Protein backbone atom coordinates (compact mmCIF):
# COMPACT_ATOMS: atom_id res chain seq x y z
CA MET A 1 48.72 144.80 30.62
CA ILE A 2 46.33 144.76 33.61
CA ALA A 3 43.70 146.61 31.59
CA ARG A 4 43.88 143.89 28.94
CA LEU A 5 43.64 141.18 31.58
CA LEU A 6 40.55 142.76 33.11
CA ALA A 7 39.05 143.27 29.69
CA GLY A 8 39.57 139.58 29.02
CA LEU A 9 38.02 138.66 32.36
CA ALA A 10 35.03 140.89 31.70
CA MET A 11 34.56 139.46 28.22
CA ALA A 12 34.63 135.98 29.67
CA LEU A 13 31.91 136.82 32.15
CA LEU A 14 29.40 137.68 29.45
CA PRO A 15 28.06 135.37 26.75
CA LEU A 16 29.42 136.59 23.45
CA ALA A 17 26.01 136.51 21.80
CA ALA A 18 24.55 138.81 24.40
CA ALA A 19 27.58 141.05 24.23
CA ALA A 20 27.11 141.54 20.51
CA GLN A 21 23.52 142.74 20.98
CA ASP A 22 23.91 144.87 24.08
CA LYS A 23 24.66 148.53 23.43
CA GLY A 24 25.75 148.94 27.02
CA VAL A 25 28.13 146.01 26.84
CA SER A 26 31.12 148.02 28.07
CA SER A 27 29.43 148.97 31.33
CA GLU A 28 28.10 145.41 31.70
CA ARG A 29 31.61 144.05 31.37
CA GLU A 30 32.90 146.47 33.95
CA ARG A 31 30.14 145.47 36.38
CA ALA A 32 30.80 141.77 35.78
CA ALA A 33 34.52 142.20 36.42
CA ALA A 34 33.83 144.30 39.51
CA ASP A 35 31.45 141.64 40.85
CA THR A 36 34.09 138.96 40.40
CA LEU A 37 36.87 140.98 42.00
CA SER A 38 34.57 141.92 44.91
CA GLY A 39 34.70 138.26 45.94
CA ILE A 40 38.49 138.36 46.39
CA VAL A 41 39.50 139.52 49.87
CA ARG A 42 42.61 139.92 51.98
CA VAL A 43 43.07 137.61 54.97
CA ARG A 44 45.35 138.60 57.85
CA ALA A 45 45.82 136.30 60.82
CA LYS A 46 47.49 136.74 64.21
CA ILE A 47 48.48 133.32 65.52
CA LEU A 48 48.09 132.00 69.07
CA PRO A 49 51.26 132.59 71.12
CA ASN A 50 51.41 128.89 72.01
CA ALA A 51 50.61 127.64 68.51
CA ARG A 52 52.36 124.49 67.43
CA SER A 53 52.80 125.93 63.92
CA LEU A 54 54.45 129.12 65.19
CA ALA A 55 58.03 128.06 64.44
CA THR A 56 57.33 126.83 60.92
CA LEU A 57 54.66 129.26 59.67
CA GLY A 58 55.21 132.37 61.77
CA PRO A 59 53.11 134.51 64.14
CA LEU A 60 51.56 136.81 61.49
CA ARG A 61 50.26 135.50 58.16
CA GLU A 62 48.71 137.30 55.21
CA GLY A 63 47.24 136.27 51.89
CA SER A 64 44.02 136.26 49.93
CA GLY A 65 40.70 134.50 50.25
CA VAL A 66 37.56 133.95 48.20
CA VAL A 67 33.98 134.58 49.29
CA VAL A 68 32.22 131.27 48.59
CA ARG A 69 29.04 131.81 50.61
CA ASP A 70 27.52 134.92 52.11
CA GLY A 71 29.57 135.47 55.25
CA TYR A 72 32.16 132.77 54.50
CA VAL A 73 35.63 133.00 52.96
CA ALA A 74 37.66 130.06 51.68
CA THR A 75 41.44 130.34 51.80
CA ILE A 76 44.47 128.12 51.98
CA GLY A 77 44.45 126.65 55.45
CA TYR A 78 47.97 127.42 56.64
CA LEU A 79 47.12 131.14 56.66
CA VAL A 80 44.59 130.65 59.47
CA LEU A 81 45.86 127.50 61.20
CA GLU A 82 45.85 128.19 64.98
CA ALA A 83 44.70 131.78 64.44
CA GLU A 84 43.94 133.92 67.49
CA ALA A 85 42.47 136.80 65.51
CA ILE A 86 41.59 137.27 61.83
CA GLU A 87 40.98 140.41 59.79
CA VAL A 88 39.33 140.25 56.36
CA THR A 89 39.48 143.23 54.00
CA GLY A 90 37.10 143.57 51.07
CA ALA A 91 37.71 145.04 47.63
CA ASP A 92 36.36 148.39 48.86
CA GLY A 93 38.97 148.56 51.62
CA ARG A 94 36.59 147.84 54.49
CA THR A 95 37.99 145.48 57.14
CA VAL A 96 35.95 143.20 59.40
CA ALA A 97 36.84 140.55 61.95
CA GLY A 98 36.56 136.84 61.24
CA VAL A 99 37.01 133.52 62.99
CA VAL A 100 38.08 130.10 61.77
CA ALA A 101 34.88 128.30 60.80
CA GLY A 102 36.49 125.14 59.52
CA TYR A 103 39.73 123.46 58.54
CA ASP A 104 40.29 120.43 56.33
CA HIS A 105 43.75 118.92 56.66
CA ALA A 106 43.20 116.44 53.82
CA SER A 107 42.64 119.10 51.13
CA GLY A 108 44.38 122.03 52.82
CA PHE A 109 41.37 124.36 52.76
CA GLY A 110 40.55 126.76 55.57
CA LEU A 111 37.18 128.47 56.00
CA VAL A 112 36.69 131.83 57.73
CA ARG A 113 33.36 133.11 59.04
CA LEU A 114 32.91 136.88 58.84
CA LEU A 115 31.64 138.59 61.97
CA ALA A 116 30.23 141.51 59.98
CA PRO A 117 29.05 141.81 56.36
CA LEU A 118 31.33 142.78 53.46
CA ALA A 119 30.30 144.16 50.09
CA ALA A 120 31.31 140.99 48.27
CA LYS A 121 29.61 138.64 45.83
CA PRO A 122 30.31 134.91 46.30
CA LEU A 123 32.11 133.31 43.37
CA ALA A 124 30.49 130.40 41.58
CA PHE A 125 32.34 127.08 41.63
CA GLY A 126 33.62 125.72 38.34
CA GLU A 127 34.95 122.32 37.30
CA SER A 128 38.72 122.23 37.23
CA ALA A 129 38.71 118.66 35.94
CA SER A 130 38.09 120.08 32.48
CA LEU A 131 41.35 122.05 32.55
CA GLY A 132 43.99 120.81 30.14
CA GLU A 133 47.63 121.61 29.59
CA ASN A 134 48.25 125.06 28.13
CA ASP A 135 44.75 126.31 29.01
CA PRO A 136 44.80 130.03 29.96
CA VAL A 137 43.47 130.96 33.40
CA LEU A 138 43.56 134.02 35.65
CA VAL A 139 45.05 134.25 39.12
CA ALA A 140 43.32 136.92 41.20
CA GLY A 141 44.70 137.88 44.58
CA TRP A 142 43.43 140.68 46.79
CA GLY A 143 44.40 144.12 45.53
CA GLY A 144 42.08 144.83 42.62
CA PRO A 145 43.23 144.97 38.98
CA ALA A 146 46.91 145.11 39.91
CA ALA A 147 46.64 141.68 41.55
CA VAL A 148 45.24 139.90 38.47
CA ASN A 149 47.62 137.83 36.36
CA MET A 150 47.15 135.62 33.34
CA VAL A 151 48.89 132.23 33.54
CA ARG A 152 48.61 128.83 31.88
CA VAL A 153 47.96 125.38 33.25
CA VAL A 154 51.11 123.38 32.58
CA SER A 155 50.32 120.17 34.45
CA ARG A 156 47.64 118.17 36.27
CA ARG A 157 49.44 115.65 38.42
CA PRO A 158 49.73 114.52 42.05
CA PHE A 159 51.52 116.61 44.64
CA ALA A 160 52.98 115.15 47.83
CA GLY A 161 54.07 117.53 50.58
CA SER A 162 56.51 116.64 53.32
CA TRP A 163 53.87 117.35 56.00
CA GLU A 164 51.75 114.20 55.37
CA TYR A 165 49.79 115.84 52.56
CA LEU A 166 48.80 114.45 49.18
CA LEU A 167 46.75 115.89 46.33
CA GLU A 168 45.93 113.36 43.65
CA SER A 169 45.37 115.95 40.90
CA ALA A 170 46.85 119.33 41.78
CA ILE A 171 46.72 122.25 39.34
CA TRP A 172 50.18 123.47 38.35
CA THR A 173 50.45 126.86 36.57
CA TYR A 174 53.16 128.92 34.89
CA PRO A 175 54.61 131.53 35.26
CA ALA A 176 54.81 132.10 39.00
CA VAL A 177 52.84 134.98 40.50
CA PRO A 178 53.89 136.74 43.71
CA ASN A 179 50.51 136.79 45.50
CA TRP A 180 49.58 133.11 45.34
CA SER A 181 48.58 132.31 48.95
CA GLY A 182 44.80 131.94 48.99
CA ALA A 183 44.43 133.53 45.54
CA ALA A 184 41.56 132.57 43.24
CA LEU A 185 42.18 130.59 40.08
CA LEU A 186 39.50 131.73 37.63
CA GLY A 187 38.23 130.03 34.50
CA PRO A 188 36.86 131.43 31.24
CA LEU A 189 33.48 132.36 32.76
CA GLY A 190 34.97 133.87 35.90
CA GLU A 191 34.22 130.67 37.83
CA LEU A 192 36.40 129.56 40.75
CA LEU A 193 38.60 126.61 39.80
CA GLY A 194 41.08 126.50 42.65
CA VAL A 195 42.78 128.28 45.55
CA GLY A 196 46.49 129.10 45.62
CA SER A 197 48.75 127.08 47.88
CA LEU A 198 52.44 127.18 46.94
CA ILE A 199 55.16 128.53 44.72
CA VAL A 200 57.03 125.62 43.13
CA ALA A 201 60.23 125.24 41.10
CA ASP A 202 59.03 122.43 38.83
CA ALA A 203 55.52 123.39 37.73
CA ALA A 204 55.94 121.84 34.27
CA GLY A 205 57.14 118.47 35.59
CA ILE A 206 59.67 116.74 37.80
CA GLY A 207 63.18 117.75 36.80
CA VAL A 208 61.97 120.68 34.68
CA GLN A 209 63.01 124.07 36.00
CA ALA A 210 59.83 126.08 35.47
CA PRO A 211 58.90 128.19 38.52
CA GLY A 212 55.15 128.35 38.93
CA ASN A 213 52.33 127.91 41.40
CA LEU A 214 50.28 125.07 42.78
CA PHE A 215 46.51 125.35 43.27
CA VAL A 216 44.14 123.13 45.23
CA PRO A 217 41.17 122.17 42.99
CA ILE A 218 37.86 123.63 44.12
CA GLU A 219 36.20 120.22 43.64
CA LEU A 220 37.83 119.19 46.91
CA LEU A 221 35.98 121.94 48.77
CA ALA A 222 32.55 121.69 47.17
CA PRO A 223 31.45 118.36 48.75
CA ILE A 224 32.62 119.29 52.26
CA LEU A 225 31.70 122.98 52.44
CA ASP A 226 28.46 122.38 54.33
CA GLU A 227 30.30 120.04 56.70
CA LEU A 228 32.97 122.66 57.43
CA ILE A 229 30.27 125.23 58.17
CA ALA A 230 28.28 122.88 60.41
CA LEU A 231 31.05 120.87 62.09
CA GLY A 232 34.27 122.82 61.58
CA ARG A 233 35.75 119.83 59.72
CA ARG A 234 34.77 117.11 57.26
CA ALA A 235 32.38 114.48 58.59
CA ALA A 236 34.37 111.46 57.36
CA PRO A 237 36.62 109.65 59.88
CA PRO A 238 40.04 111.34 60.08
CA ARG A 239 43.17 109.81 58.63
CA PRO A 240 45.98 108.64 60.92
CA TRP A 241 48.59 111.34 61.46
CA LEU A 242 52.16 110.60 62.56
CA GLY A 243 53.52 114.11 63.09
CA MET A 244 56.61 113.90 60.93
CA ASN A 245 58.02 115.75 57.93
CA THR A 246 59.66 113.51 55.37
CA GLU A 247 61.70 114.44 52.31
CA GLU A 248 62.01 112.29 49.21
CA LEU A 249 65.59 112.05 47.93
CA ARG A 250 66.97 109.54 45.40
CA GLY A 251 64.45 106.87 46.27
CA ALA A 252 64.84 107.27 50.03
CA LEU A 253 62.57 108.96 52.56
CA PHE A 254 64.52 111.07 55.06
CA VAL A 255 62.81 112.33 58.21
CA SER A 256 63.56 116.06 58.28
CA ARG A 257 61.50 117.00 61.34
CA VAL A 258 59.21 115.52 63.95
CA SER A 259 56.41 117.57 65.52
CA PRO A 260 57.09 118.33 69.20
CA GLU A 261 55.07 115.99 71.43
CA GLY A 262 53.61 114.38 68.30
CA PRO A 263 53.22 110.63 67.73
CA ALA A 264 56.50 110.17 65.83
CA GLU A 265 58.55 111.93 68.50
CA LEU A 266 56.83 109.98 71.28
CA ALA A 267 57.68 106.75 69.43
CA GLY A 268 61.38 107.67 69.30
CA LEU A 269 61.71 108.87 65.69
CA LYS A 270 63.97 111.83 65.00
CA ALA A 271 65.38 113.91 62.18
CA GLY A 272 67.87 111.95 60.09
CA ASP A 273 66.03 108.64 60.27
CA ILE A 274 65.21 106.95 56.96
CA VAL A 275 61.80 105.37 56.44
CA LEU A 276 62.09 102.06 54.60
CA GLY A 277 58.59 100.67 54.82
CA VAL A 278 55.19 100.49 56.47
CA GLY A 279 54.93 97.03 57.97
CA ALA A 280 56.15 94.61 55.30
CA GLU A 281 55.41 97.09 52.49
CA ARG A 282 58.44 98.89 51.09
CA VAL A 283 57.93 102.59 50.32
CA GLY A 284 60.21 104.79 48.23
CA THR A 285 58.06 107.84 47.52
CA LEU A 286 56.01 110.14 49.70
CA ALA A 287 52.82 109.13 47.91
CA GLU A 288 53.52 105.43 48.55
CA PHE A 289 54.31 106.20 52.19
CA TYR A 290 51.13 108.18 52.84
CA ARG A 291 48.85 105.72 51.05
CA ALA A 292 50.33 102.84 53.01
CA VAL A 293 49.83 104.66 56.33
CA TRP A 294 46.27 105.77 55.52
CA ALA A 295 45.36 102.25 54.38
CA ARG A 296 45.97 101.05 57.96
CA GLY A 297 42.73 102.62 59.17
CA THR A 298 41.57 105.82 60.81
CA ALA A 299 43.25 108.10 63.35
CA GLY A 300 44.30 106.19 66.46
CA VAL A 301 45.53 103.10 64.62
CA GLU A 302 49.04 101.88 65.40
CA VAL A 303 51.34 102.17 62.38
CA PRO A 304 54.43 99.91 62.19
CA LEU A 305 57.34 101.62 60.44
CA ARG A 306 60.63 100.08 59.37
CA VAL A 307 63.32 102.73 59.72
CA LEU A 308 67.06 102.99 59.39
CA GLN A 309 68.19 104.67 62.58
CA GLY A 310 71.82 105.05 63.57
CA GLY A 311 72.93 102.42 61.06
CA GLU A 312 70.43 99.85 62.34
CA VAL A 313 67.10 98.81 60.82
CA ARG A 314 64.41 98.96 63.48
CA GLU A 315 60.65 98.55 63.63
CA VAL A 316 59.02 101.50 65.32
CA ARG A 317 55.34 101.34 66.18
CA VAL A 318 53.72 104.76 66.06
CA ARG A 319 50.32 105.34 67.66
CA SER A 320 48.68 107.77 65.25
CA VAL A 321 46.36 110.61 66.24
CA ASP A 322 43.81 112.90 64.64
CA ARG A 323 45.81 115.84 63.29
CA TYR A 324 42.86 118.15 64.05
CA SER A 325 43.27 117.45 67.79
CA TYR A 326 47.01 118.23 67.77
CA PHE A 327 46.82 121.85 66.63
CA ARG A 328 45.44 124.49 68.95
CA ARG A 329 42.29 126.54 68.40
CA SER A 330 41.24 129.89 69.73
CA PRO A 331 38.21 129.77 72.07
CA GLY A 332 35.08 130.26 69.99
CA SER A 333 36.64 128.89 66.79
């Protein structure tokens, strides 16, 4: 099965017309596949002992990453959030140290700078907007041929996460693969279309039991990559962050957690509260909630929330902050 997958990947990396004329096409395909897989690396992170994400994401995290520039690896950000030390292993098994070069909370991308060279070829960016339902794609995690899986795109639709996170056009694939965190989603020419974020139960649609994976489109990284390298973050003003996890259930928004010492906790919100609206605007979905909050302005703006707390409807005014300033960073990152 893996041999067929790699053969398909190699075929995709070469124009068919050239392949038909080239007597050495087999070796060319092998080199093309090897070049692509060389850009997939393993990312291991040891997290700061006082990290705010320690309780929710753990002290040791491991997944894949993709070389997108010489010396730079893109991955899903939660793998390296508040990292104290990072190890990156190439396709040849060589391991080098890395540091967090940038983090973008809006998209979820993390960027790692390598402190020594790896034998890896950066992957070219593709255009995931052209992906349609039922299109075949490859998911390539670190681990060589054994970590390559063929899947299909089953949906392009928004995704709202409980942690104040919204993707307007996430890539949903089926079936689920086990090594999704930071894995590369590859198109028909071996181009990078997305980076793996989650395993989900409803990849094919809300209410449809179809376990699959969710990928962040690479188009969200392309316009900010230079900014992440230069500044460590995107240059645009940051969104207001409240520091609360909210779950959507039967048209109601239940607060499931507030970040310790975060804005929501300082304003008196707690788990079990129900968010009814932002100011006079009623909200019943996570997407509505986030858009209403972000429409108030940039980080630092006061956000008025109407909440049901202890059987009483109250207005709670939350002074938002820049999420980037809340999480801790290792010196030198």
